[in-house]
């Protein structure tokens, strides 16, 4: 087991998860629809819990956890596109943009879960945090298809 590798992967996921949380917090504030505001606030809360679990594993490994979001350019663009969708009051456009962000974070977690170098304990924490990410993604995908 390479602790440094595990810490690096966990911190990368933490940063992505915190980016997602921040984006959802902003989206919840911008949403005019109570339906979306509540959904985004729930996603933000879930992402915060997932980030805390990842941070706890980093601490257990003796590392220093990521504590702030980077708000990467891709995540930032997704949420800017989401803001534009809000101004058009187009539910389908909003859901499409949210699902695009969900695809991004889901892919990051899937990459980590396929990392054969991760210790079993770190993989288990990632798998648990992925549960909420996958649920969010699946919820947005189902909603998108229901609006088609």
N, C-alpha and C. Protein backbone atom coordinates (compact mmCIF):
# COMPACT_ATOMS: atom_id res chain seq x y z
N UNK A 1 0.85 -1.19 0.00
CA UNK A 1 0.00 0.00 0.00
C UNK A 1 0.89 1.25 0.00
N UNK A 2 0.53 2.19 -0.83
CA UNK A 2 1.25 3.45 -0.91
C UNK A 2 0.34 4.54 -0.32
N UNK A 3 0.63 4.92 0.92
CA UNK A 3 -0.22 5.92 1.59
C UNK A 3 -0.29 7.23 0.82
N UNK A 4 0.85 7.66 0.29
CA UNK A 4 0.85 8.92 -0.46
C UNK A 4 -0.09 8.86 -1.66
N UNK A 5 -0.10 7.73 -2.34
CA UNK A 5 -1.00 7.57 -3.49
C UNK A 5 -2.45 7.64 -3.03
N UNK A 6 -2.77 6.90 -1.96
CA UNK A 6 -4.14 6.92 -1.44
C UNK A 6 -4.55 8.34 -1.04
N UNK A 7 -3.68 9.03 -0.35
CA UNK A 7 -3.97 10.40 0.08
C UNK A 7 -4.21 11.30 -1.12
N UNK A 8 -3.39 11.15 -2.15
CA UNK A 8 -3.54 11.97 -3.35
C UNK A 8 -4.88 11.71 -4.03
N UNK A 9 -5.25 10.44 -4.18
CA UNK A 9 -6.53 10.10 -4.81
C UNK A 9 -7.69 10.61 -3.97
N UNK A 10 -7.62 10.37 -2.68
CA UNK A 10 -8.69 10.82 -1.78
C UNK A 10 -8.83 12.34 -1.80
N UNK A 11 -7.70 13.05 -1.79
CA UNK A 11 -7.77 14.51 -1.82
C UNK A 11 -8.30 15.02 -3.16
N UNK A 12 -7.97 14.34 -4.25
CA UNK A 12 -8.52 14.73 -5.55
C UNK A 12 -10.03 14.58 -5.57
N UNK A 13 -10.51 13.47 -5.02
CA UNK A 13 -11.96 13.26 -4.94
C UNK A 13 -12.61 14.26 -3.99
N UNK A 14 -11.92 14.56 -2.91
CA UNK A 14 -12.45 15.55 -1.96
C UNK A 14 -12.64 16.89 -2.65
N UNK A 15 -11.64 17.30 -3.39
CA UNK A 15 -11.71 18.60 -4.08
C UNK A 15 -12.86 18.61 -5.09
N UNK A 16 -13.00 17.54 -5.86
CA UNK A 16 -14.09 17.45 -6.83
C UNK A 16 -15.44 17.46 -6.12
N UNK A 17 -15.53 16.76 -5.00
CA UNK A 17 -16.78 16.68 -4.25
C UNK A 17 -17.12 18.03 -3.63
N UNK A 18 -16.11 18.73 -3.13
CA UNK A 18 -16.34 20.07 -2.58
C UNK A 18 -16.73 21.05 -3.68
N UNK A 19 -16.13 20.89 -4.88
CA UNK A 19 -16.54 21.71 -6.03
C UNK A 19 -18.02 21.50 -6.32
N UNK A 20 -18.43 20.24 -6.32
CA UNK A 20 -19.82 19.90 -6.59
C UNK A 20 -20.73 20.48 -5.50
N UNK A 21 -20.32 20.34 -4.26
CA UNK A 21 -21.10 20.88 -3.14
C UNK A 21 -21.29 22.39 -3.31
N UNK A 22 -20.20 23.09 -3.60
CA UNK A 22 -20.26 24.55 -3.76
C UNK A 22 -21.17 24.92 -4.94
N UNK A 23 -21.05 24.19 -6.02
CA UNK A 23 -21.90 24.45 -7.18
C UNK A 23 -23.37 24.26 -6.85
N UNK A 24 -23.68 23.21 -6.10
CA UNK A 24 -25.07 22.97 -5.72
C UNK A 24 -25.57 24.01 -4.74
N UNK A 25 -24.71 24.46 -3.84
CA UNK A 25 -25.13 25.54 -2.92
C UNK A 25 -25.48 26.79 -3.71
N UNK A 26 -24.64 27.13 -4.69
CA UNK A 26 -24.90 28.30 -5.52
C UNK A 26 -26.17 28.11 -6.35
N UNK A 27 -26.32 26.91 -6.91
CA UNK A 27 -27.50 26.63 -7.74
C UNK A 27 -28.78 26.71 -6.90
N UNK A 28 -28.72 26.22 -5.67
CA UNK A 28 -29.90 26.29 -4.79
C UNK A 28 -30.29 27.73 -4.53
N UNK A 29 -29.30 28.62 -4.37
CA UNK A 29 -29.59 30.03 -4.15
C UNK A 29 -30.18 30.69 -5.39
N UNK A 30 -29.72 30.25 -6.59
CA UNK A 30 -30.15 30.86 -7.84
C UNK A 30 -31.49 30.32 -8.34
N UNK A 31 -31.86 29.15 -7.87
CA UNK A 31 -33.07 28.51 -8.38
C UNK A 31 -34.31 29.30 -7.96
N UNK A 32 -35.17 29.58 -8.93
CA UNK A 32 -36.43 30.24 -8.63
C UNK A 32 -37.48 29.20 -8.24
N UNK A 33 -37.33 28.01 -8.77
CA UNK A 33 -38.27 26.93 -8.47
C UNK A 33 -37.91 26.29 -7.14
N UNK A 34 -38.88 26.18 -6.26
CA UNK A 34 -38.67 25.52 -4.97
C UNK A 34 -38.24 24.08 -5.19
N UNK A 35 -38.81 23.46 -6.22
CA UNK A 35 -38.47 22.07 -6.54
C UNK A 35 -36.96 21.92 -6.73
N UNK A 36 -36.36 22.78 -7.54
CA UNK A 36 -34.93 22.67 -7.81
C UNK A 36 -34.10 23.17 -6.63
N UNK A 37 -34.54 24.21 -5.97
CA UNK A 37 -33.79 24.73 -4.83
C UNK A 37 -33.65 23.66 -3.76
N UNK A 38 -34.72 22.96 -3.47
CA UNK A 38 -34.68 21.90 -2.46
C UNK A 38 -33.79 20.75 -2.92
N UNK A 39 -33.93 20.34 -4.17
CA UNK A 39 -33.12 19.24 -4.70
C UNK A 39 -31.63 19.59 -4.64
N UNK A 40 -31.28 20.82 -5.06
CA UNK A 40 -29.88 21.20 -5.07
C UNK A 40 -29.32 21.34 -3.66
N UNK A 41 -30.13 21.83 -2.74
CA UNK A 41 -29.69 21.92 -1.34
C UNK A 41 -29.44 20.52 -0.78
N UNK A 42 -30.29 19.56 -1.13
CA UNK A 42 -30.09 18.18 -0.70
C UNK A 42 -28.81 17.60 -1.29
N UNK A 43 -28.58 17.86 -2.57
CA UNK A 43 -27.34 17.37 -3.20
C UNK A 43 -26.12 17.99 -2.52
N UNK A 44 -26.19 19.28 -2.23
CA UNK A 44 -25.06 19.95 -1.56
C UNK A 44 -24.78 19.31 -0.21
N UNK A 45 -25.83 19.04 0.54
CA UNK A 45 -25.66 18.40 1.86
C UNK A 45 -25.03 17.02 1.71
N UNK A 46 -25.52 16.24 0.75
CA UNK A 46 -24.99 14.89 0.53
C UNK A 46 -23.52 14.94 0.12
N UNK A 47 -23.17 15.91 -0.72
CA UNK A 47 -21.78 16.03 -1.16
C UNK A 47 -20.88 16.46 0.00
N UNK A 48 -21.40 17.28 0.88
CA UNK A 48 -20.64 17.67 2.07
C UNK A 48 -20.34 16.47 2.95
N UNK A 49 -21.33 15.60 3.12
CA UNK A 49 -21.12 14.38 3.91
C UNK A 49 -20.10 13.46 3.26
N UNK A 50 -20.18 13.33 1.94
CA UNK A 50 -19.21 12.48 1.22
C UNK A 50 -17.80 13.06 1.36
N UNK A 51 -17.68 14.37 1.25
CA UNK A 51 -16.36 15.01 1.39
C UNK A 51 -15.79 14.78 2.78
N UNK A 52 -16.63 14.89 3.79
CA UNK A 52 -16.15 14.66 5.17
C UNK A 52 -15.65 13.23 5.36
N UNK A 53 -16.31 12.27 4.75
CA UNK A 53 -15.86 10.87 4.85
C UNK A 53 -14.50 10.69 4.18
N UNK A 54 -14.32 11.32 3.03
CA UNK A 54 -13.04 11.24 2.33
C UNK A 54 -11.94 11.93 3.16
N UNK A 55 -12.26 13.07 3.73
CA UNK A 55 -11.31 13.79 4.58
C UNK A 55 -10.92 12.96 5.80
N UNK A 56 -11.87 12.26 6.37
CA UNK A 56 -11.58 11.44 7.55
C UNK A 56 -10.61 10.32 7.19
N UNK A 57 -10.75 9.75 6.01
CA UNK A 57 -9.83 8.68 5.59
C UNK A 57 -8.43 9.24 5.39
N UNK A 58 -8.32 10.42 4.82
CA UNK A 58 -7.01 11.06 4.66
C UNK A 58 -6.37 11.26 6.03
N UNK A 59 -7.15 11.75 6.98
CA UNK A 59 -6.64 11.96 8.34
C UNK A 59 -6.20 10.64 8.96
N UNK A 60 -6.98 9.59 8.75
CA UNK A 60 -6.64 8.27 9.29
C UNK A 60 -5.30 7.79 8.74
N UNK A 61 -5.04 8.14 7.48
CA UNK A 61 -3.79 7.76 6.83
C UNK A 61 -2.61 8.66 7.23
N UNK A 62 -2.91 9.69 8.03
CA UNK A 62 -1.85 10.59 8.48
C UNK A 62 -1.58 11.75 7.54
N UNK A 63 -2.47 11.98 6.59
CA UNK A 63 -2.28 13.06 5.63
C UNK A 63 -3.04 14.32 6.03
N UNK A 64 -2.86 15.34 5.23
CA UNK A 64 -3.57 16.60 5.40
C UNK A 64 -4.68 16.66 4.37
N UNK A 65 -5.90 16.80 4.83
CA UNK A 65 -7.07 16.79 3.95
C UNK A 65 -7.26 18.10 3.22
N UNK A 66 -7.79 17.97 2.00
CA UNK A 66 -8.27 19.14 1.27
C UNK A 66 -9.46 19.69 2.04
N UNK A 67 -9.53 21.00 2.16
CA UNK A 67 -10.64 21.59 2.90
C UNK A 67 -11.43 22.60 2.09
N UNK A 68 -10.93 22.96 0.93
CA UNK A 68 -11.62 23.95 0.13
C UNK A 68 -11.80 23.47 -1.28
N UNK A 69 -12.79 24.02 -1.93
CA UNK A 69 -13.01 23.65 -3.32
C UNK A 69 -12.08 24.48 -4.20
N UNK A 70 -11.71 23.91 -5.30
CA UNK A 70 -10.90 24.64 -6.27
C UNK A 70 -11.80 25.34 -7.27
N UNK A 71 -13.01 24.88 -7.34
CA UNK A 71 -13.97 25.28 -8.35
C UNK A 71 -13.30 25.31 -9.70
N UNK A 72 -12.91 24.10 -10.12
CA UNK A 72 -12.23 23.88 -11.39
C UNK A 72 -13.00 24.51 -12.53
N UNK A 73 -12.30 24.80 -13.59
CA UNK A 73 -12.91 25.45 -14.74
C UNK A 73 -14.09 24.66 -15.28
N UNK A 74 -13.98 23.34 -15.39
CA UNK A 74 -15.09 22.55 -15.93
C UNK A 74 -16.31 22.64 -15.04
N UNK A 75 -16.11 22.54 -13.74
CA UNK A 75 -17.24 22.63 -12.82
C UNK A 75 -17.84 24.03 -12.87
N UNK A 76 -16.97 25.02 -12.94
CA UNK A 76 -17.44 26.41 -13.00
C UNK A 76 -18.28 26.64 -14.26
N UNK A 77 -17.81 26.13 -15.40
CA UNK A 77 -18.56 26.28 -16.64
C UNK A 77 -19.92 25.60 -16.55
N UNK A 78 -19.94 24.41 -15.96
CA UNK A 78 -21.21 23.69 -15.82
C UNK A 78 -22.20 24.52 -15.04
N UNK A 79 -21.76 25.11 -13.93
CA UNK A 79 -22.70 25.87 -13.12
C UNK A 79 -23.02 27.23 -13.73
N UNK A 80 -22.13 27.78 -14.55
CA UNK A 80 -22.50 28.99 -15.30
C UNK A 80 -23.56 28.65 -16.34
N UNK A 81 -23.41 27.51 -17.01
CA UNK A 81 -24.42 27.07 -17.96
C UNK A 81 -25.74 26.82 -17.24
N UNK A 82 -25.65 26.31 -16.03
CA UNK A 82 -26.84 26.08 -15.23
C UNK A 82 -27.53 27.40 -14.90
N UNK A 83 -26.73 28.42 -14.57
CA UNK A 83 -27.31 29.74 -14.30
C UNK A 83 -28.07 30.27 -15.52
N UNK A 84 -27.50 30.06 -16.71
CA UNK A 84 -28.18 30.50 -17.92
C UNK A 84 -29.49 29.74 -18.11
N UNK A 85 -29.48 28.46 -17.80
CA UNK A 85 -30.70 27.66 -17.92
C UNK A 85 -31.78 28.18 -16.97
N UNK A 86 -31.37 28.62 -15.76
CA UNK A 86 -32.33 29.19 -14.82
C UNK A 86 -33.01 30.42 -15.40
N UNK A 87 -32.22 31.26 -16.07
CA UNK A 87 -32.80 32.50 -16.58
C UNK A 87 -33.81 32.24 -17.68
N UNK A 88 -33.69 31.10 -18.36
CA UNK A 88 -34.65 30.76 -19.40
C UNK A 88 -35.86 30.03 -18.83
N UNK A 89 -35.79 29.68 -17.53
CA UNK A 89 -36.87 28.94 -16.86
C UNK A 89 -37.24 27.66 -17.61
N UNK A 90 -36.25 27.01 -18.18
CA UNK A 90 -36.44 25.77 -18.93
C UNK A 90 -36.00 24.61 -18.06
N UNK A 91 -36.98 23.90 -17.48
CA UNK A 91 -36.67 22.80 -16.57
C UNK A 91 -35.76 21.77 -17.22
N UNK A 92 -36.04 21.43 -18.46
CA UNK A 92 -35.22 20.42 -19.14
C UNK A 92 -33.77 20.89 -19.27
N UNK A 93 -33.56 22.15 -19.61
CA UNK A 93 -32.20 22.68 -19.75
C UNK A 93 -31.47 22.64 -18.41
N UNK A 94 -32.18 22.95 -17.35
CA UNK A 94 -31.59 22.91 -16.01
C UNK A 94 -31.16 21.48 -15.67
N UNK A 95 -32.05 20.55 -15.91
CA UNK A 95 -31.76 19.15 -15.59
C UNK A 95 -30.60 18.63 -16.44
N UNK A 96 -30.54 18.99 -17.70
CA UNK A 96 -29.45 18.56 -18.58
C UNK A 96 -28.11 19.07 -18.04
N UNK A 97 -28.06 20.33 -17.62
CA UNK A 97 -26.82 20.88 -17.08
C UNK A 97 -26.41 20.20 -15.77
N UNK A 98 -27.38 19.94 -14.93
CA UNK A 98 -27.05 19.27 -13.67
C UNK A 98 -26.55 17.86 -13.95
N UNK A 99 -27.19 17.17 -14.88
CA UNK A 99 -26.74 15.81 -15.19
C UNK A 99 -25.33 15.82 -15.76
N UNK A 100 -24.99 16.84 -16.53
CA UNK A 100 -23.64 16.95 -17.07
C UNK A 100 -22.62 17.04 -15.94
N UNK A 101 -22.91 17.82 -14.92
CA UNK A 101 -22.03 17.90 -13.76
C UNK A 101 -21.97 16.57 -13.02
N UNK A 102 -23.11 15.89 -12.95
CA UNK A 102 -23.16 14.57 -12.31
C UNK A 102 -22.31 13.56 -13.07
N UNK A 103 -22.32 13.63 -14.39
CA UNK A 103 -21.48 12.74 -15.19
C UNK A 103 -20.00 12.94 -14.85
N UNK A 104 -19.61 14.19 -14.66
CA UNK A 104 -18.21 14.52 -14.36
C UNK A 104 -17.77 13.91 -13.03
N UNK A 105 -18.53 14.13 -11.97
CA UNK A 105 -18.11 13.62 -10.67
C UNK A 105 -18.22 12.09 -10.62
N UNK A 106 -19.22 11.54 -11.28
CA UNK A 106 -19.36 10.08 -11.32
C UNK A 106 -18.14 9.45 -11.98
N UNK A 107 -17.68 10.02 -13.08
CA UNK A 107 -16.51 9.49 -13.79
C UNK A 107 -15.26 9.56 -12.90
N UNK A 108 -15.11 10.63 -12.13
CA UNK A 108 -13.95 10.75 -11.23
C UNK A 108 -13.95 9.64 -10.20
N UNK A 109 -15.12 9.37 -9.62
CA UNK A 109 -15.22 8.30 -8.62
C UNK A 109 -14.99 6.94 -9.26
N UNK A 110 -15.54 6.72 -10.44
CA UNK A 110 -15.34 5.43 -11.11
C UNK A 110 -13.87 5.19 -11.42
N UNK A 111 -13.16 6.23 -11.85
CA UNK A 111 -11.72 6.10 -12.09
C UNK A 111 -11.00 5.68 -10.81
N UNK A 112 -11.35 6.31 -9.70
CA UNK A 112 -10.71 5.99 -8.43
C UNK A 112 -11.03 4.55 -8.01
N UNK A 113 -12.26 4.13 -8.21
CA UNK A 113 -12.64 2.78 -7.82
C UNK A 113 -11.94 1.72 -8.66
N UNK A 114 -11.50 2.09 -9.84
CA UNK A 114 -10.76 1.16 -10.71
C UNK A 114 -9.26 1.23 -10.50
N UNK A 115 -8.81 2.02 -9.55
CA UNK A 115 -7.39 2.19 -9.26
C UNK A 115 -6.91 1.00 -8.42
N UNK A 116 -6.16 0.12 -9.05
CA UNK A 116 -5.70 -1.11 -8.38
C UNK A 116 -4.66 -0.84 -7.30
N UNK A 117 -4.09 0.36 -7.28
CA UNK A 117 -3.06 0.68 -6.28
C UNK A 117 -3.65 1.11 -4.93
N UNK A 118 -4.92 1.40 -4.88
CA UNK A 118 -5.53 1.86 -3.64
C UNK A 118 -5.64 0.73 -2.62
N UNK A 119 -5.42 1.07 -1.38
CA UNK A 119 -5.61 0.11 -0.30
C UNK A 119 -7.09 -0.21 -0.17
N UNK A 120 -7.39 -1.38 0.33
CA UNK A 120 -8.77 -1.82 0.49
C UNK A 120 -9.58 -0.86 1.36
N UNK A 121 -8.96 -0.34 2.42
CA UNK A 121 -9.68 0.57 3.32
C UNK A 121 -10.06 1.86 2.62
N UNK A 122 -9.13 2.41 1.84
CA UNK A 122 -9.41 3.64 1.10
C UNK A 122 -10.47 3.38 0.03
N UNK A 123 -10.36 2.25 -0.65
CA UNK A 123 -11.34 1.90 -1.67
C UNK A 123 -12.73 1.79 -1.06
N UNK A 124 -12.83 1.23 0.13
CA UNK A 124 -14.13 1.07 0.80
C UNK A 124 -14.74 2.43 1.12
N UNK A 125 -13.93 3.38 1.57
CA UNK A 125 -14.42 4.72 1.87
C UNK A 125 -14.90 5.40 0.58
N UNK A 126 -14.14 5.25 -0.48
CA UNK A 126 -14.51 5.84 -1.77
C UNK A 126 -15.81 5.20 -2.27
N UNK A 127 -15.91 3.89 -2.14
CA UNK A 127 -17.12 3.19 -2.58
C UNK A 127 -18.35 3.69 -1.82
N UNK A 128 -18.19 3.91 -0.53
CA UNK A 128 -19.30 4.41 0.29
C UNK A 128 -19.69 5.83 -0.14
N UNK A 129 -18.70 6.69 -0.34
CA UNK A 129 -18.99 8.07 -0.78
C UNK A 129 -19.61 8.07 -2.17
N UNK A 130 -19.21 7.11 -2.99
CA UNK A 130 -19.73 7.01 -4.35
C UNK A 130 -21.22 6.70 -4.35
N UNK A 131 -21.70 6.07 -3.30
CA UNK A 131 -23.13 5.73 -3.21
C UNK A 131 -23.98 6.97 -3.41
N UNK A 132 -23.66 8.05 -2.71
CA UNK A 132 -24.45 9.28 -2.83
C UNK A 132 -24.26 9.93 -4.19
N UNK A 133 -23.04 9.84 -4.74
CA UNK A 133 -22.79 10.40 -6.07
C UNK A 133 -23.60 9.65 -7.11
N UNK A 134 -23.58 8.35 -7.04
CA UNK A 134 -24.33 7.53 -8.01
C UNK A 134 -25.84 7.79 -7.87
N UNK A 135 -26.33 7.92 -6.64
CA UNK A 135 -27.75 8.20 -6.44
C UNK A 135 -28.13 9.55 -7.05
N UNK A 136 -27.30 10.56 -6.85
CA UNK A 136 -27.56 11.87 -7.44
C UNK A 136 -27.57 11.80 -8.95
N UNK A 137 -26.60 11.11 -9.51
CA UNK A 137 -26.52 10.96 -10.96
C UNK A 137 -27.76 10.25 -11.48
N UNK A 138 -28.12 9.14 -10.85
CA UNK A 138 -29.27 8.36 -11.31
C UNK A 138 -30.57 9.15 -11.19
N UNK A 139 -30.69 9.94 -10.12
CA UNK A 139 -31.87 10.77 -9.93
C UNK A 139 -31.97 11.80 -11.06
N UNK A 140 -30.86 12.43 -11.41
CA UNK A 140 -30.89 13.44 -12.47
C UNK A 140 -31.13 12.78 -13.83
N UNK A 141 -30.56 11.62 -14.05
CA UNK A 141 -30.78 10.92 -15.31
C UNK A 141 -32.25 10.55 -15.46
N UNK A 142 -32.85 10.02 -14.43
CA UNK A 142 -34.27 9.66 -14.47
C UNK A 142 -35.14 10.89 -14.70
N UNK A 143 -34.81 11.97 -14.04
CA UNK A 143 -35.57 13.20 -14.20
C UNK A 143 -35.46 13.71 -15.63
N UNK A 144 -34.24 13.67 -16.18
CA UNK A 144 -34.03 14.12 -17.56
C UNK A 144 -34.88 13.29 -18.53
N UNK A 145 -34.89 11.99 -18.35
CA UNK A 145 -35.66 11.13 -19.25
C UNK A 145 -37.17 11.31 -19.07
N UNK A 146 -37.59 11.69 -17.87
CA UNK A 146 -39.01 11.92 -17.65
C UNK A 146 -39.48 13.21 -18.32
N UNK A 147 -38.54 14.12 -18.58
CA UNK A 147 -38.88 15.40 -19.23
C UNK A 147 -38.77 15.33 -20.75
N UNK A 148 -38.29 14.21 -21.26
CA UNK A 148 -38.06 14.08 -22.71
C UNK A 148 -39.33 14.08 -23.51
